[in-house]
PDB file of all heavy atoms in Angstrom:
ATOM      1  N   GLN A   1      97.480  73.358 129.576  1.00  0.00           N
ATOM      2  CA  GLN A   1      97.773  74.772 129.662  1.00  0.00           C
ATOM      3  C   GLN A   1      99.266  75.039 129.449  1.00  0.00           C
ATOM      4  O   GLN A   1     100.104  74.137 129.630  1.00  0.00           O
ATOM      5  CB  GLN A   1      97.346  75.339 131.021  1.00  0.00           C
ATOM      6  CG  GLN A   1      95.849  75.350 131.255  1.00  0.00           C
ATOM      7  CD  GLN A   1      95.475  75.993 132.572  1.00  0.00           C
ATOM      8  OE1 GLN A   1      96.113  75.758 133.586  1.00  0.00           O
ATOM      9  NE2 GLN A   1      94.450  76.809 132.544  1.00  0.00           N
ATOM     10  N   ARG A   2      99.574  76.255 129.058  1.00  0.00           N
ATOM     11  CA  ARG A   2     100.969  76.628 128.882  1.00  0.00           C
ATOM     12  C   ARG A   2     101.671  76.591 130.228  1.00  0.00           C
ATOM     13  O   ARG A   2     101.134  77.080 131.243  1.00  0.00           O
ATOM     14  CB  ARG A   2     101.051  78.017 128.252  1.00  0.00           C
ATOM     15  CG  ARG A   2     102.455  78.420 127.800  1.00  0.00           C
ATOM     16  CD  ARG A   2     102.411  79.701 126.993  1.00  0.00           C
ATOM     17  NE  ARG A   2     101.615  79.557 125.784  1.00  0.00           N
ATOM     18  CZ  ARG A   2     101.482  80.499 124.856  1.00  0.00           C
ATOM     19  NH1 ARG A   2     102.105  81.663 124.981  1.00  0.00           N
ATOM     20  NH2 ARG A   2     100.726  80.278 123.791  1.00  0.00           N
ATOM     21  N   GLU A   3     102.885  76.050 130.244  1.00  0.00           N
ATOM     22  CA  GLU A   3     103.628  75.895 131.487  1.00  0.00           C
ATOM     23  C   GLU A   3     105.059  76.390 131.309  1.00  0.00           C
ATOM     24  O   GLU A   3     105.629  76.379 130.211  1.00  0.00           O
ATOM     25  CB  GLU A   3     103.640  74.438 131.948  1.00  0.00           C
ATOM     26  CG  GLU A   3     104.366  73.504 131.023  1.00  0.00           C
ATOM     27  CD  GLU A   3     104.481  72.076 131.574  1.00  0.00           C
ATOM     28  OE1 GLU A   3     104.112  71.862 132.743  1.00  0.00           O
ATOM     29  OE2 GLU A   3     104.925  71.193 130.818  1.00  0.00           O
ATOM     30  N   LEU A   4     105.648  76.771 132.425  1.00  0.00           N
ATOM     31  CA  LEU A   4     107.045  77.210 132.422  1.00  0.00           C
ATOM     32  C   LEU A   4     107.972  76.042 132.154  1.00  0.00           C
ATOM     33  O   LEU A   4     107.828  74.979 132.760  1.00  0.00           O
ATOM     34  CB  LEU A   4     107.393  77.851 133.758  1.00  0.00           C
ATOM     35  CG  LEU A   4     108.894  78.137 133.980  1.00  0.00           C
ATOM     36  CD1 LEU A   4     109.340  79.280 133.079  1.00  0.00           C
ATOM     37  CD2 LEU A   4     109.164  78.460 135.447  1.00  0.00           C
ATOM     38  N   VAL A   5     108.927  76.256 131.255  1.00  0.00           N
ATOM     39  CA  VAL A   5     110.016  75.312 131.061  1.00  0.00           C
ATOM     40  C   VAL A   5     111.236  75.811 131.820  1.00  0.00           C
ATOM     41  O   VAL A   5     111.778  75.119 132.692  1.00  0.00           O
ATOM     42  CB  VAL A   5     110.348  75.118 129.582  1.00  0.00           C
ATOM     43  CG1 VAL A   5     111.549  74.182 129.416  1.00  0.00           C
ATOM     44  CG2 VAL A   5     109.149  74.595 128.822  1.00  0.00           C
ATOM     45  N   ALA A   6     111.688  77.019 131.503  1.00  0.00           N
ATOM     46  CA  ALA A   6     112.824  77.611 132.180  1.00  0.00           C
ATOM     47  C   ALA A   6     112.914  79.074 131.835  1.00  0.00           C
ATOM     48  O   ALA A   6     112.471  79.475 130.753  1.00  0.00           O
ATOM     49  CB  ALA A   6     114.135  76.902 131.809  1.00  0.00           C
ATOM     50  N   TYR A   7     113.478  79.866 132.729  1.00  0.00           N
ATOM     51  CA  TYR A   7     113.780  81.243 132.392  1.00  0.00           C
ATOM     52  C   TYR A   7     115.115  81.643 133.002  1.00  0.00           C
ATOM     53  O   TYR A   7     115.602  80.999 133.921  1.00  0.00           O
ATOM     54  CB  TYR A   7     112.674  82.214 132.829  1.00  0.00           C
ATOM     55  CG  TYR A   7     112.488  82.430 134.315  1.00  0.00           C
ATOM     56  CD1 TYR A   7     113.406  83.188 135.064  1.00  0.00           C
ATOM     57  CD2 TYR A   7     111.380  81.924 134.990  1.00  0.00           C
ATOM     58  CE1 TYR A   7     113.233  83.380 136.433  1.00  0.00           C
ATOM     59  CE2 TYR A   7     111.207  82.132 136.330  1.00  0.00           C
ATOM     60  CZ  TYR A   7     112.143  82.857 137.064  1.00  0.00           C
ATOM     61  OH  TYR A   7     111.945  83.055 138.404  1.00  0.00           O
ATOM     62  N   MET A   8     115.671  82.696 132.475  1.00  0.00           N
ATOM     63  CA  MET A   8     116.960  83.198 132.946  1.00  0.00           C
ATOM     64  C   MET A   8     116.972  84.728 132.846  1.00  0.00           C
ATOM     65  O   MET A   8     116.641  85.284 131.805  1.00  0.00           O
ATOM     66  CB  MET A   8     118.102  82.615 132.131  1.00  0.00           C
ATOM     67  CG  MET A   8     119.486  82.884 132.702  1.00  0.00           C
ATOM     68  SD  MET A   8     120.759  81.985 131.790  1.00  0.00           S
ATOM     69  CE  MET A   8     122.170  82.208 132.881  1.00  0.00           C
ATOM     70  N   THR A   9     117.336  85.380 133.923  1.00  0.00           N
ATOM     71  CA  THR A   9     117.443  86.837 133.913  1.00  0.00           C
ATOM     72  C   THR A   9     118.756  87.264 133.270  1.00  0.00           C
ATOM     73  O   THR A   9     119.682  86.459 133.098  1.00  0.00           O
ATOM     74  CB  THR A   9     117.348  87.410 135.321  1.00  0.00           C
ATOM     75  OG1 THR A   9     118.519  87.047 136.058  1.00  0.00           O
ATOM     76  CG2 THR A   9     116.115  86.881 136.050  1.00  0.00           C
ATOM     77  N   SER A  10     118.825  88.526 132.921  1.00  0.00           N
ATOM     78  CA  SER A  10     120.043  89.050 132.327  1.00  0.00           C
ATOM     79  C   SER A  10     121.213  89.032 133.322  1.00  0.00           C
ATOM     80  O   SER A  10     122.371  89.079 132.887  1.00  0.00           O
ATOM     81  CB  SER A  10     119.830  90.472 131.808  1.00  0.00           C
ATOM     82  OG  SER A  10     119.296  91.311 132.815  1.00  0.00           O
ATOM     83  N   SER A  11     120.931  88.947 134.603  1.00  0.00           N
ATOM     84  CA  SER A  11     121.969  88.852 135.595  1.00  0.00           C
ATOM     85  C   SER A  11     122.370  87.418 135.907  1.00  0.00           C
ATOM     86  O   SER A  11     123.299  87.205 136.705  1.00  0.00           O
ATOM     87  CB  SER A  11     121.517  89.543 136.902  1.00  0.00           C
ATOM     88  OG  SER A  11     120.364  88.924 137.438  1.00  0.00           O
ATOM     89  N   GLY A  12     121.703  86.438 135.289  1.00  0.00           N
ATOM     90  CA  GLY A  12     122.140  85.066 135.400  1.00  0.00           C
ATOM     91  C   GLY A  12     121.314  84.157 136.285  1.00  0.00           C
ATOM     92  O   GLY A  12     121.633  82.970 136.431  1.00  0.00           O
ATOM     93  N   ARG A  13     120.270  84.648 136.904  1.00  0.00           N
ATOM     94  CA  ARG A  13     119.423  83.806 137.745  1.00  0.00           C
ATOM     95  C   ARG A  13     118.519  82.932 136.885  1.00  0.00           C
ATOM     96  O   ARG A  13     117.904  83.423 135.938  1.00  0.00           O
ATOM     97  CB  ARG A  13     118.600  84.660 138.705  1.00  0.00           C
ATOM     98  CG  ARG A  13     117.712  83.857 139.639  1.00  0.00           C
ATOM     99  CD  ARG A  13     117.098  84.736 140.708  1.00  0.00           C
ATOM    100  NE  ARG A  13     116.257  85.773 140.136  1.00  0.00           N
ATOM    101  CZ  ARG A  13     114.967  85.614 139.817  1.00  0.00           C
ATOM    102  NH1 ARG A  13     114.371  84.444 140.044  1.00  0.00           N
ATOM    103  NH2 ARG A  13     114.281  86.620 139.289  1.00  0.00           N
ATOM    104  N   THR A  14     118.411  81.667 137.237  1.00  0.00           N
ATOM    105  CA  THR A  14     117.613  80.723 136.442  1.00  0.00           C
ATOM    106  C   THR A  14     116.534  80.072 137.309  1.00  0.00           C
ATOM    107  O   THR A  14     116.614  80.019 138.538  1.00  0.00           O
ATOM    108  CB  THR A  14     118.489  79.620 135.850  1.00  0.00           C
ATOM    109  OG1 THR A  14     119.109  78.859 136.918  1.00  0.00           O
ATOM    110  CG2 THR A  14     119.575  80.189 134.972  1.00  0.00           C
ATOM    111  N   ASN A  15     115.523  79.564 136.615  1.00  0.00           N
ATOM    112  CA  ASN A  15     114.460  78.806 137.252  1.00  0.00           C
ATOM    113  C   ASN A  15     113.948  77.797 136.244  1.00  0.00           C
ATOM    114  O   ASN A  15     113.832  78.104 135.039  1.00  0.00           O
ATOM    115  CB  ASN A  15     113.330  79.718 137.723  1.00  0.00           C
ATOM    116  CG  ASN A  15     112.355  79.012 138.649  1.00  0.00           C
ATOM    117  OD1 ASN A  15     112.767  78.231 139.524  1.00  0.00           O
ATOM    118  ND2 ASN A  15     111.074  79.247 138.474  1.00  0.00           N
ATOM    119  N   TYR A  16     113.615  76.595 136.736  1.00  0.00           N
ATOM    120  CA  TYR A  16     113.173  75.517 135.871  1.00  0.00           C
ATOM    121  C   TYR A  16     111.855  74.946 136.348  1.00  0.00           C
ATOM    122  O   TYR A  16     111.592  74.893 137.557  1.00  0.00           O
ATOM    123  CB  TYR A  16     114.189  74.383 135.832  1.00  0.00           C
ATOM    124  CG  TYR A  16     115.509  74.715 135.177  1.00  0.00           C
ATOM    125  CD1 TYR A  16     116.549  75.260 135.904  1.00  0.00           C
ATOM    126  CD2 TYR A  16     115.694  74.489 133.814  1.00  0.00           C
ATOM    127  CE1 TYR A  16     117.749  75.572 135.306  1.00  0.00           C
ATOM    128  CE2 TYR A  16     116.901  74.795 133.208  1.00  0.00           C
ATOM    129  CZ  TYR A  16     117.921  75.346 133.958  1.00  0.00           C
ATOM    130  OH  TYR A  16     119.123  75.640 133.354  1.00  0.00           O
ATOM    131  N   GLY A  17     111.040  74.521 135.389  1.00  0.00           N
ATOM    132  CA  GLY A  17     109.868  73.752 135.750  1.00  0.00           C
ATOM    133  C   GLY A  17     110.265  72.400 136.304  1.00  0.00           C
ATOM    134  O   GLY A  17     111.282  71.822 135.935  1.00  0.00           O
ATOM    135  N   ASP A  18     109.455  71.890 137.220  1.00  0.00           N
ATOM    136  CA  ASP A  18     109.808  70.637 137.910  1.00  0.00           C
ATOM    137  C   ASP A  18     110.005  69.482 136.933  1.00  0.00           C
ATOM    138  O   ASP A  18     110.865  68.622 137.147  1.00  0.00           O
ATOM    139  CB  ASP A  18     108.732  70.267 138.917  1.00  0.00           C
ATOM    140  CG  ASP A  18     108.727  71.208 140.125  1.00  0.00           C
ATOM    141  OD1 ASP A  18     109.747  71.871 140.372  1.00  0.00           O
ATOM    142  OD2 ASP A  18     107.693  71.264 140.827  1.00  0.00           O
ATOM    143  N   SER A  19     109.233  69.432 135.881  1.00  0.00           N
ATOM    144  CA  SER A  19     109.273  68.300 134.974  1.00  0.00           C
ATOM    145  C   SER A  19     110.533  68.228 134.115  1.00  0.00           C
ATOM    146  O   SER A  19     110.805  67.182 133.527  1.00  0.00           O
ATOM    147  CB  SER A  19     108.038  68.292 134.067  1.00  0.00           C
ATOM    148  OG  SER A  19     108.004  69.459 133.255  1.00  0.00           O
ATOM    149  N   VAL A  20     111.299  69.318 134.063  1.00  0.00           N
ATOM    150  CA  VAL A  20     112.472  69.338 133.200  1.00  0.00           C
ATOM    151  C   VAL A  20     113.774  69.489 133.969  1.00  0.00           C
ATOM    152  O   VAL A  20     114.853  69.458 133.372  1.00  0.00           O
ATOM    153  CB  VAL A  20     112.389  70.452 132.138  1.00  0.00           C
ATOM    154  CG1 VAL A  20     111.081  70.341 131.346  1.00  0.00           C
ATOM    155  CG2 VAL A  20     112.519  71.828 132.786  1.00  0.00           C
ATOM    156  N   LYS A  21     113.698  69.628 135.278  1.00  0.00           N
ATOM    157  CA  LYS A  21     114.910  69.796 136.083  1.00  0.00           C
ATOM    158  C   LYS A  21     115.825  68.589 135.911  1.00  0.00           C
ATOM    159  O   LYS A  21     115.389  67.449 135.975  1.00  0.00           O
ATOM    160  CB  LYS A  21     114.549  69.980 137.556  1.00  0.00           C
ATOM    161  CG  LYS A  21     113.922  71.309 137.868  1.00  0.00           C
ATOM    162  CD  LYS A  21     113.534  71.428 139.332  1.00  0.00           C
ATOM    163  CE  LYS A  21     112.906  72.750 139.656  1.00  0.00           C
ATOM    164  NZ  LYS A  21     112.482  72.857 141.074  1.00  0.00           N
ATOM    165  N   GLY A  22     117.102  68.863 135.689  1.00  0.00           N
ATOM    166  CA  GLY A  22     118.077  67.816 135.511  1.00  0.00           C
ATOM    167  C   GLY A  22     118.203  67.332 134.074  1.00  0.00           C
ATOM    168  O   GLY A  22     119.154  66.598 133.776  1.00  0.00           O
ATOM    169  N   ARG A  23     117.288  67.731 133.207  1.00  0.00           N
ATOM    170  CA  ARG A  23     117.349  67.316 131.805  1.00  0.00           C
ATOM    171  C   ARG A  23     117.572  68.475 130.846  1.00  0.00           C
ATOM    172  O   ARG A  23     118.233  68.314 129.838  1.00  0.00           O
ATOM    173  CB  ARG A  23     116.071  66.588 131.408  1.00  0.00           C
ATOM    174  CG  ARG A  23     115.789  65.313 132.202  1.00  0.00           C
ATOM    175  CD  ARG A  23     114.617  64.545 131.637  1.00  0.00           C
ATOM    176  NE  ARG A  23     113.382  65.303 131.729  1.00  0.00           N
ATOM    177  CZ  ARG A  23     112.630  65.636 130.673  1.00  0.00           C
ATOM    178  NH1 ARG A  23     112.990  65.276 129.455  1.00  0.00           N
ATOM    179  NH2 ARG A  23     111.495  66.320 130.849  1.00  0.00           N
ATOM    180  N   PHE A  24     117.006  69.628 131.171  1.00  0.00           N
ATOM    181  CA  PHE A  24     117.100  70.808 130.310  1.00  0.00           C
ATOM    182  C   PHE A  24     118.033  71.825 130.948  1.00  0.00           C
ATOM    183  O   PHE A  24     118.079  71.944 132.177  1.00  0.00           O
ATOM    184  CB  PHE A  24     115.742  71.446 130.090  1.00  0.00           C
ATOM    185  CG  PHE A  24     114.762  70.632 129.281  1.00  0.00           C
ATOM    186  CD1 PHE A  24     115.045  69.321 128.921  1.00  0.00           C
ATOM    187  CD2 PHE A  24     113.541  71.184 128.935  1.00  0.00           C
ATOM    188  CE1 PHE A  24     114.122  68.573 128.193  1.00  0.00           C
ATOM    189  CE2 PHE A  24     112.629  70.440 128.203  1.00  0.00           C
ATOM    190  CZ  PHE A  24     112.920  69.154 127.841  1.00  0.00           C
ATOM    191  N   THR A  25     118.711  72.591 130.126  1.00  0.00           N
ATOM    192  CA  THR A  25     119.589  73.641 130.591  1.00  0.00           C
ATOM    193  C   THR A  25     119.356  74.904 129.778  1.00  0.00           C
ATOM    194  O   THR A  25     119.411  74.873 128.546  1.00  0.00           O
ATOM    195  CB  THR A  25     121.072  73.238 130.484  1.00  0.00           C
ATOM    196  OG1 THR A  25     121.302  72.043 131.230  1.00  0.00           O
ATOM    197  CG2 THR A  25     121.969  74.338 131.055  1.00  0.00           C
ATOM    198  N   ILE A  26     119.100  76.012 130.458  1.00  0.00           N
ATOM    199  CA  ILE A  26     118.917  77.268 129.800  1.00  0.00           C
ATOM    200  C   ILE A  26     120.211  78.092 129.896  1.00  0.00           C
ATOM    201  O   ILE A  26     120.927  78.024 130.912  1.00  0.00           O
ATOM    202  CB  ILE A  26     117.723  78.044 130.372  1.00  0.00           C
ATOM    203  CG1 ILE A  26     117.363  79.261 129.490  1.00  0.00           C
ATOM    204  CG2 ILE A  26     117.991  78.490 131.809  1.00  0.00           C
ATOM    205  CD1 ILE A  26     116.041  79.897 129.862  1.00  0.00           C
ATOM    206  N   SER A  27     120.499  78.849 128.865  1.00  0.00           N
ATOM    207  CA  SER A  27     121.684  79.697 128.860  1.00  0.00           C
ATOM    208  C   SER A  27     121.386  80.938 128.032  1.00  0.00           C
ATOM    209  O   SER A  27     120.401  80.979 127.269  1.00  0.00           O
ATOM    210  CB  SER A  27     122.911  78.947 128.306  1.00  0.00           C
ATOM    211  OG  SER A  27     122.702  78.540 126.974  1.00  0.00           O
ATOM    212  N   ARG A  28     122.238  81.948 128.188  1.00  0.00           N
ATOM    213  CA  ARG A  28     122.063  83.219 127.468  1.00  0.00           C
ATOM    214  C   ARG A  28     123.364  83.714 126.934  1.00  0.00           C
ATOM    215  O   ARG A  28     124.426  83.480 127.495  1.00  0.00           O
ATOM    216  CB  ARG A  28     121.456  84.293 128.393  1.00  0.00           C
ATOM    217  CG  ARG A  28     120.048  84.074 128.842  1.00  0.00           C
ATOM    218  CD  ARG A  28     119.576  85.234 129.731  1.00  0.00           C
ATOM    219  NE  ARG A  28     119.649  86.521 129.051  1.00  0.00           N
ATOM    220  CZ  ARG A  28     118.752  87.492 129.190  1.00  0.00           C
ATOM    221  NH1 ARG A  28     117.691  87.307 129.970  1.00  0.00           N
ATOM    222  NH2 ARG A  28     118.919  88.654 128.555  1.00  0.00           N
ATOM    223  N   ASP A  29     123.274  84.442 125.848  1.00  0.00           N
ATOM    224  CA  ASP A  29     124.369  85.222 125.313  1.00  0.00           C
ATOM    225  C   ASP A  29     123.852  86.647 125.265  1.00  0.00           C
ATOM    226  O   ASP A  29     123.151  87.040 124.328  1.00  0.00           O
ATOM    227  CB  ASP A  29     124.814  84.741 123.943  1.00  0.00           C
ATOM    228  CG  ASP A  29     126.025  85.454 123.410  1.00  0.00           C
ATOM    229  OD1 ASP A  29     126.299  86.586 123.860  1.00  0.00           O
ATOM    230  OD2 ASP A  29     126.713  84.902 122.542  1.00  0.00           O
ATOM    231  N   ASN A  30     124.163  87.431 126.266  1.00  0.00           N
ATOM    232  CA  ASN A  30     123.616  88.770 126.367  1.00  0.00           C
ATOM    233  C   ASN A  30     124.079  89.677 125.238  1.00  0.00           C
ATOM    234  O   ASN A  30     123.361  90.572 124.806  1.00  0.00           O
ATOM    235  CB  ASN A  30     123.961  89.409 127.713  1.00  0.00           C
ATOM    236  CG  ASN A  30     123.211  88.763 128.868  1.00  0.00           C
ATOM    237  OD1 ASN A  30     122.158  88.152 128.676  1.00  0.00           O
ATOM    238  ND2 ASN A  30     123.742  88.912 130.071  1.00  0.00           N
ATOM    239  N   ALA A  31     125.292  89.467 124.744  1.00  0.00           N
ATOM    240  CA  ALA A  31     125.799  90.259 123.641  1.00  0.00           C
ATOM    241  C   ALA A  31     124.988  90.065 122.381  1.00  0.00           C
ATOM    242  O   ALA A  31     124.882  90.968 121.546  1.00  0.00           O
ATOM    243  CB  ALA A  31     127.275  89.942 123.382  1.00  0.00           C
ATOM    244  N   LYS A  32     124.404  88.880 122.227  1.00  0.00           N
ATOM    245  CA  LYS A  32     123.583  88.560 121.063  1.00  0.00           C
ATOM    246  C   LYS A  32     122.081  88.643 121.363  1.00  0.00           C
ATOM    247  O   LYS A  32     121.280  88.372 120.461  1.00  0.00           O
ATOM    248  CB  LYS A  32     123.911  87.180 120.535  1.00  0.00           C
ATOM    249  CG  LYS A  32     125.333  87.031 120.022  1.00  0.00           C
ATOM    250  CD  LYS A  32     125.591  85.615 119.485  1.00  0.00           C
ATOM    251  CE  LYS A  32     126.987  85.475 118.958  1.00  0.00           C
ATOM    252  NZ  LYS A  32     127.250  84.093 118.438  1.00  0.00           N
ATOM    253  N   ASN A  33     121.728  88.963 122.600  1.00  0.00           N
ATOM    254  CA  ASN A  33     120.319  88.980 123.021  1.00  0.00           C
ATOM    255  C   ASN A  33     119.626  87.667 122.646  1.00  0.00           C
ATOM    256  O   ASN A  33     118.506  87.667 122.117  1.00  0.00           O
ATOM    257  CB  ASN A  33     119.595  90.171 122.413  1.00  0.00           C
ATOM    258  CG  ASN A  33     120.103  91.489 122.948  1.00  0.00           C
ATOM    259  OD1 ASN A  33     120.308  91.633 124.149  1.00  0.00           O
ATOM    260  ND2 ASN A  33     120.271  92.457 122.073  1.00  0.00           N
TER     261      ASN A  33
END
């Protein structure tokens, strides 16, 4: 099934799936959406 990898809100809060914690990093450029 489809599973969460990571998400990030426009205010900067992040969350990661357990299987990728410590290996993957999510980031955003709000000016570029």
